Amino acid sequence: MASTKKQIPEFRSEEEERSFWAEHDSTEFVDWQAAQRRRFPNLKPSLRTISLRLPVSMIEDLKVLANKRDVPYQSLLKVFLAERLERERRRA
């Protein structure tokens, strides 16, 4: 027996959509039992620039390691952070 779900409204902006979902339960609109997992390999994650103060010696060490791997040190730092975050998620 299929349940009737509400129609998801059309949104004029992401902000309007965020506001809507912050106040509504998605189960009223989506049949999650029938949902299928999908991959979106070409999506780029949203990025935010942050200011991070690190000891000069740490930055120099990072630059040396990055140079050995022939990658920018900021990229190597992101890899290190991602690996640690994944490890912490598995522990939790």
N, C-alpha and C. Protein backbone atom coordinates (compact mmCIF):
# COMPACT_ATOMS: atom_id res chain seq x y z
N MET A 1 0.83 -1.17 0.00
CA MET A 1 0.00 0.00 0.00
C MET A 1 0.88 1.24 0.00
N ALA A 2 0.84 2.01 -1.06
CA ALA A 2 1.68 3.19 -1.20
C ALA A 2 1.07 4.35 -0.42
N SER A 3 1.91 5.04 0.32
CA SER A 3 1.42 6.20 1.04
C SER A 3 1.54 7.44 0.16
N THR A 4 0.63 8.38 0.35
CA THR A 4 0.64 9.60 -0.42
C THR A 4 1.58 10.59 0.24
N LYS A 5 2.50 11.10 -0.53
CA LYS A 5 3.47 12.06 -0.02
C LYS A 5 3.13 13.45 -0.53
N LYS A 6 3.49 14.45 0.24
CA LYS A 6 3.27 15.84 -0.17
C LYS A 6 4.21 16.19 -1.32
N GLN A 7 3.79 17.13 -2.14
CA GLN A 7 4.59 17.61 -3.26
C GLN A 7 5.67 18.57 -2.73
N ILE A 8 6.92 18.36 -3.15
CA ILE A 8 8.00 19.27 -2.76
C ILE A 8 7.81 20.57 -3.56
N PRO A 9 7.79 21.71 -2.87
CA PRO A 9 7.57 22.97 -3.59
C PRO A 9 8.78 23.36 -4.45
N GLU A 10 8.55 24.27 -5.38
CA GLU A 10 9.64 24.84 -6.20
C GLU A 10 10.27 25.95 -5.36
N PHE A 11 11.59 25.99 -5.34
CA PHE A 11 12.29 27.00 -4.54
C PHE A 11 12.94 28.01 -5.47
N ARG A 12 12.92 29.28 -5.06
CA ARG A 12 13.53 30.35 -5.86
C ARG A 12 15.02 30.49 -5.58
N SER A 13 15.47 29.94 -4.44
CA SER A 13 16.89 30.06 -4.09
C SER A 13 17.27 28.93 -3.14
N GLU A 14 18.58 28.72 -2.99
CA GLU A 14 19.05 27.72 -2.04
C GLU A 14 18.68 28.13 -0.62
N GLU A 15 18.73 29.42 -0.34
CA GLU A 15 18.38 29.91 1.00
C GLU A 15 16.92 29.58 1.33
N GLU A 16 16.04 29.77 0.36
CA GLU A 16 14.63 29.44 0.56
C GLU A 16 14.46 27.94 0.81
N GLU A 17 15.20 27.12 0.06
CA GLU A 17 15.12 25.67 0.25
C GLU A 17 15.67 25.25 1.61
N ARG A 18 16.80 25.84 2.00
CA ARG A 18 17.38 25.54 3.32
C ARG A 18 16.38 25.86 4.44
N SER A 19 15.76 27.02 4.32
CA SER A 19 14.79 27.44 5.31
C SER A 19 13.61 26.47 5.38
N PHE A 20 13.14 26.03 4.21
CA PHE A 20 12.02 25.09 4.15
C PHE A 20 12.37 23.79 4.85
N TRP A 21 13.53 23.19 4.51
CA TRP A 21 13.89 21.90 5.08
C TRP A 21 14.25 21.98 6.55
N ALA A 22 14.64 23.17 7.00
CA ALA A 22 14.91 23.35 8.43
C ALA A 22 13.63 23.27 9.25
N GLU A 23 12.48 23.52 8.59
CA GLU A 23 11.21 23.55 9.30
C GLU A 23 10.27 22.39 8.95
N HIS A 24 10.67 21.52 8.02
CA HIS A 24 9.79 20.43 7.59
C HIS A 24 10.51 19.09 7.69
N ASP A 25 9.74 18.05 7.93
CA ASP A 25 10.25 16.69 8.02
C ASP A 25 10.24 16.07 6.61
N SER A 26 11.39 15.64 6.13
CA SER A 26 11.48 15.10 4.76
C SER A 26 10.63 13.85 4.56
N THR A 27 10.33 13.13 5.64
CA THR A 27 9.53 11.91 5.48
C THR A 27 8.10 12.20 5.04
N GLU A 28 7.66 13.46 5.16
CA GLU A 28 6.34 13.84 4.67
C GLU A 28 6.35 13.99 3.15
N PHE A 29 7.54 14.10 2.57
CA PHE A 29 7.68 14.40 1.15
C PHE A 29 8.38 13.29 0.36
N VAL A 30 9.20 12.51 1.03
CA VAL A 30 10.03 11.51 0.35
C VAL A 30 9.79 10.13 0.97
N ASP A 31 9.61 9.13 0.11
CA ASP A 31 9.48 7.75 0.58
C ASP A 31 10.89 7.17 0.67
N TRP A 32 11.50 7.31 1.84
CA TRP A 32 12.89 6.87 2.00
C TRP A 32 13.05 5.36 1.88
N GLN A 33 11.98 4.59 2.09
CA GLN A 33 12.04 3.14 1.94
C GLN A 33 12.29 2.76 0.47
N ALA A 34 11.82 3.59 -0.45
CA ALA A 34 11.98 3.31 -1.88
C ALA A 34 13.22 3.99 -2.45
N ALA A 35 13.92 4.75 -1.64
CA ALA A 35 15.10 5.50 -2.11
C ALA A 35 16.23 4.55 -2.51
N GLN A 36 17.00 4.97 -3.49
CA GLN A 36 18.17 4.21 -3.93
C GLN A 36 19.41 5.09 -3.81
N ARG A 37 20.52 4.47 -3.45
CA ARG A 37 21.77 5.19 -3.31
C ARG A 37 22.28 5.59 -4.69
N ARG A 38 22.73 6.82 -4.83
CA ARG A 38 23.28 7.33 -6.08
C ARG A 38 24.63 7.97 -5.82
N ARG A 39 25.47 7.99 -6.83
CA ARG A 39 26.77 8.66 -6.76
C ARG A 39 26.77 9.82 -7.74
N PHE A 40 27.40 10.90 -7.33
CA PHE A 40 27.55 12.08 -8.17
C PHE A 40 29.04 12.42 -8.24
N PRO A 41 29.79 11.69 -9.07
CA PRO A 41 31.24 11.82 -9.06
C PRO A 41 31.76 13.16 -9.57
N ASN A 42 30.96 13.91 -10.31
CA ASN A 42 31.46 15.16 -10.87
C ASN A 42 31.13 16.39 -10.03
N LEU A 43 30.46 16.19 -8.89
CA LEU A 43 30.15 17.33 -8.03
C LEU A 43 31.41 17.77 -7.30
N LYS A 44 31.58 19.07 -7.22
CA LYS A 44 32.71 19.61 -6.47
C LYS A 44 32.20 20.06 -5.11
N PRO A 45 32.91 19.71 -4.05
CA PRO A 45 32.44 20.13 -2.72
C PRO A 45 32.52 21.65 -2.56
N SER A 46 31.63 22.19 -1.76
CA SER A 46 31.70 23.61 -1.43
C SER A 46 32.96 23.83 -0.61
N LEU A 47 33.62 24.92 -0.89
CA LEU A 47 34.86 25.23 -0.17
C LEU A 47 34.69 26.51 0.61
N ARG A 48 35.38 26.58 1.72
CA ARG A 48 35.40 27.80 2.53
C ARG A 48 36.85 28.07 2.90
N THR A 49 37.26 29.28 2.71
CA THR A 49 38.61 29.69 3.08
C THR A 49 38.64 29.96 4.58
N ILE A 50 39.67 29.43 5.24
CA ILE A 50 39.83 29.69 6.67
C ILE A 50 41.23 30.25 6.91
N SER A 51 41.38 30.89 8.02
CA SER A 51 42.68 31.37 8.44
C SER A 51 43.15 30.45 9.57
N LEU A 52 44.32 29.89 9.41
CA LEU A 52 44.82 28.93 10.39
C LEU A 52 46.24 29.31 10.77
N ARG A 53 46.46 29.56 12.05
CA ARG A 53 47.80 29.91 12.51
C ARG A 53 48.53 28.65 12.93
N LEU A 54 49.67 28.41 12.30
CA LEU A 54 50.49 27.24 12.61
C LEU A 54 51.90 27.70 12.92
N PRO A 55 52.60 26.94 13.75
CA PRO A 55 54.00 27.28 14.00
C PRO A 55 54.80 27.21 12.69
N VAL A 56 55.72 28.12 12.52
CA VAL A 56 56.54 28.17 11.30
C VAL A 56 57.23 26.83 11.07
N SER A 57 57.72 26.21 12.13
CA SER A 57 58.42 24.93 11.98
C SER A 57 57.49 23.85 11.42
N MET A 58 56.22 23.88 11.81
CA MET A 58 55.26 22.91 11.30
C MET A 58 55.02 23.13 9.81
N ILE A 59 54.90 24.37 9.41
CA ILE A 59 54.71 24.69 7.99
C ILE A 59 55.93 24.26 7.18
N GLU A 60 57.11 24.51 7.72
CA GLU A 60 58.33 24.11 7.01
C GLU A 60 58.40 22.59 6.86
N ASP A 61 58.07 21.86 7.92
CA ASP A 61 58.04 20.39 7.84
C ASP A 61 57.04 19.93 6.79
N LEU A 62 55.89 20.56 6.78
CA LEU A 62 54.86 20.22 5.81
C LEU A 62 55.34 20.48 4.38
N LYS A 63 56.03 21.59 4.19
CA LYS A 63 56.55 21.93 2.85
C LYS A 63 57.59 20.91 2.40
N VAL A 64 58.43 20.45 3.32
CA VAL A 64 59.44 19.44 2.98
C VAL A 64 58.76 18.14 2.55
N LEU A 65 57.77 17.70 3.32
CA LEU A 65 57.05 16.47 2.97
C LEU A 65 56.31 16.63 1.64
N ALA A 66 55.70 17.77 1.44
CA ALA A 66 54.96 18.01 0.20
C ALA A 66 55.91 18.03 -1.00
N ASN A 67 57.07 18.61 -0.82
CA ASN A 67 58.05 18.67 -1.90
C ASN A 67 58.51 17.27 -2.30
N LYS A 68 58.69 16.40 -1.31
CA LYS A 68 59.08 15.01 -1.60
C LYS A 68 58.01 14.28 -2.41
N ARG A 69 56.75 14.68 -2.19
CA ARG A 69 55.63 14.04 -2.90
C ARG A 69 55.22 14.81 -4.15
N ASP A 70 55.87 15.94 -4.38
CA ASP A 70 55.60 16.78 -5.54
C ASP A 70 54.15 17.26 -5.58
N VAL A 71 53.68 17.72 -4.42
CA VAL A 71 52.33 18.30 -4.32
C VAL A 71 52.42 19.60 -3.53
N PRO A 72 51.48 20.50 -3.72
CA PRO A 72 51.46 21.73 -2.90
C PRO A 72 51.24 21.39 -1.43
N TYR A 73 51.86 22.16 -0.56
CA TYR A 73 51.75 21.82 0.86
C TYR A 73 50.33 21.97 1.39
N GLN A 74 49.54 22.92 0.83
CA GLN A 74 48.16 23.05 1.28
C GLN A 74 47.36 21.79 0.92
N SER A 75 47.63 21.21 -0.24
CA SER A 75 46.94 19.98 -0.65
C SER A 75 47.31 18.83 0.28
N LEU A 76 48.58 18.74 0.62
CA LEU A 76 49.02 17.68 1.53
C LEU A 76 48.36 17.85 2.90
N LEU A 77 48.24 19.08 3.36
CA LEU A 77 47.59 19.34 4.63
C LEU A 77 46.13 18.87 4.58
N LYS A 78 45.43 19.12 3.47
CA LYS A 78 44.05 18.65 3.33
C LYS A 78 43.97 17.13 3.35
N VAL A 79 44.94 16.46 2.72
CA VAL A 79 44.97 14.99 2.74
C VAL A 79 45.16 14.49 4.17
N PHE A 80 46.10 15.10 4.89
CA PHE A 80 46.34 14.69 6.28
C PHE A 80 45.09 14.89 7.13
N LEU A 81 44.42 16.02 6.97
CA LEU A 81 43.21 16.28 7.74
C LEU A 81 42.10 15.29 7.39
N ALA A 82 41.93 15.01 6.11
CA ALA A 82 40.89 14.07 5.67
C ALA A 82 41.15 12.68 6.23
N GLU A 83 42.41 12.23 6.21
CA GLU A 83 42.75 10.91 6.74
C GLU A 83 42.44 10.84 8.23
N ARG A 84 42.80 11.87 8.95
CA ARG A 84 42.57 11.88 10.40
C ARG A 84 41.07 11.94 10.72
N LEU A 85 40.34 12.74 9.98
CA LEU A 85 38.90 12.82 10.20
C LEU A 85 38.24 11.47 9.96
N GLU A 86 38.66 10.79 8.91
CA GLU A 86 38.09 9.46 8.62
C GLU A 86 38.41 8.49 9.75
N ARG A 87 39.64 8.52 10.25
CA ARG A 87 40.02 7.65 11.35
C ARG A 87 39.18 7.95 12.61
N GLU A 88 38.96 9.22 12.89
CA GLU A 88 38.16 9.60 14.05
C GLU A 88 36.70 9.18 13.89
N ARG A 89 36.16 9.29 12.65
CA ARG A 89 34.80 8.86 12.39
C ARG A 89 34.64 7.36 12.64
N ARG A 90 35.64 6.59 12.22
CA ARG A 90 35.56 5.13 12.42
C ARG A 90 35.62 4.78 13.90
N ARG A 91 36.36 5.55 14.69
CA ARG A 91 36.48 5.30 16.13
C ARG A 91 35.20 5.61 16.88
N ALA A 92 34.46 6.59 16.38
CA ALA A 92 33.25 7.06 17.09
C ALA A 92 32.11 6.08 17.04
